[in-house]
Protein backbone atom coordinates (compact mmCIF):
# COMPACT_ATOMS: atom_id res chain seq x y z
CA MET A 1 123.06 75.93 188.46
CA ALA A 2 123.11 77.10 184.86
CA ILE A 3 125.40 79.84 183.79
CA ILE A 4 122.51 82.10 182.72
CA HIS A 5 121.44 82.32 186.36
CA ARG A 6 124.90 83.46 187.48
CA ILE A 7 125.14 86.36 185.12
CA ARG A 8 124.28 89.66 186.79
CA PRO A 9 122.78 92.35 184.61
CA LYS A 10 125.21 95.26 183.91
CA TYR A 11 122.37 97.80 184.02
CA GLN A 12 119.29 98.10 186.27
CA SER A 13 116.92 98.55 183.34
CA ARG A 14 116.81 98.42 179.53
CA ASN A 15 116.50 102.22 179.57
CA ASP A 16 119.75 102.57 181.54
CA GLU A 17 121.46 100.29 179.01
CA ILE A 18 120.15 102.45 176.06
CA VAL A 19 121.33 105.66 177.68
CA ALA A 20 124.73 104.20 178.38
CA ASP A 21 125.08 103.02 174.79
CA LEU A 22 124.15 106.44 173.52
CA LEU A 23 126.70 108.18 175.79
CA TYR A 24 129.32 105.68 174.85
CA GLY A 25 128.63 106.34 171.13
CA ALA A 26 128.79 110.05 171.80
CA ASP A 27 132.34 109.62 173.17
CA GLY A 28 131.42 110.81 176.63
CA ALA A 29 129.66 113.95 175.56
CA THR A 30 128.37 116.26 178.27
CA GLU A 31 124.71 117.18 178.71
CA ASN A 32 125.21 120.50 177.04
CA ASP A 33 126.89 118.82 174.06
CA LEU A 34 123.96 116.48 173.73
CA ARG A 35 121.51 119.38 173.91
CA THR A 36 123.41 121.05 171.06
CA VAL A 37 123.17 117.89 169.02
CA ILE A 38 119.42 117.79 169.57
CA LYS A 39 119.07 121.48 168.58
CA ARG A 40 121.13 120.92 165.40
CA LYS A 41 119.21 117.79 164.35
CA ALA A 42 115.88 119.58 164.92
CA ALA A 43 117.12 122.50 162.75
CA GLU A 44 118.22 120.04 160.04
CA ILE A 45 114.71 118.51 160.02
CA SER A 46 113.03 121.98 159.86
CA ILE A 47 115.19 123.00 156.95
CA ALA A 48 114.43 119.81 155.10
CA MET A 49 110.65 120.35 155.74
CA ALA A 50 110.95 123.92 154.41
CA VAL A 51 112.74 122.73 151.20
CA LEU A 52 110.28 119.88 150.72
CA HIS A 53 107.00 121.62 151.66
CA GLY A 54 107.81 125.35 151.70
CA GLY A 55 106.90 127.79 154.37
CA ASP A 56 108.47 128.80 157.64
CA TRP A 57 109.00 126.12 160.29
CA ARG A 58 109.47 126.53 164.03
CA ILE A 59 111.07 124.19 166.52
CA GLN A 60 110.08 123.60 170.13
CA VAL A 61 112.28 121.33 172.29
CA ASP A 62 111.14 120.47 175.85
CA HIS A 63 113.65 118.36 177.71
CA GLU A 64 111.52 118.16 180.83
CA ASP A 65 108.53 116.57 179.06
CA GLY A 66 110.76 114.79 176.52
CA PHE A 67 109.50 115.96 173.17
CA VAL A 68 110.69 117.80 170.03
CA HIS A 69 107.99 119.54 168.04
CA ILE A 70 108.53 120.91 164.55
CA THR A 71 105.63 122.63 162.87
CA ARG A 72 104.90 125.06 160.10
CA ARG A 73 104.00 128.59 161.14
CA LEU A 74 100.64 129.70 159.86
CA ARG A 75 100.60 133.01 158.06
CA GLY A 76 96.97 133.75 159.00
CA ASN A 77 97.68 133.20 162.73
CA PRO A 78 98.24 136.52 164.62
CA LYS A 79 100.42 134.73 167.22
CA SER A 80 102.72 133.47 164.45
CA ASP A 81 105.57 135.74 163.47
CA ALA A 82 105.94 134.04 160.08
CA THR A 83 105.54 136.14 156.97
CA GLY A 84 103.88 133.29 155.03
CA ASP A 85 104.71 131.22 151.95
């Protein structure tokens, strides 16, 4: 039997392997540490967008659904608490 057939996968799926690599690269960071990293990175992006495009930008992070949303607040929108450009 060839050696390739004797090798057992280290992880159950490719997704498990990716997550393990991320955690290993994060030096064993806890979940709260990783949430803080996500919050900081999103803030960095919103600041860059404000510098590049102007306006006030808001961040929405939803860990349950797995998305990060960064959008400009509209000054004409009554639901927006932005003061405008």
